[in-house]
């Protein structure tokens, strides 16, 4: 099981891509994940975002 936010994001994106063929559906499902990653305070402190 992924433990850091980037690994979790990648795992979630892989699930979304596997479940959908339509690029619009993929983007619609992926957009909230980007917001979640952006709001992760630990990544900002680590200098990643």
Foldseek 3Di string as FASTA:
>chain_A
DDDDLVVVLVVVLVVLVVVDDDPVSSCVVSVVSVVVVVPPPVCVVVVND
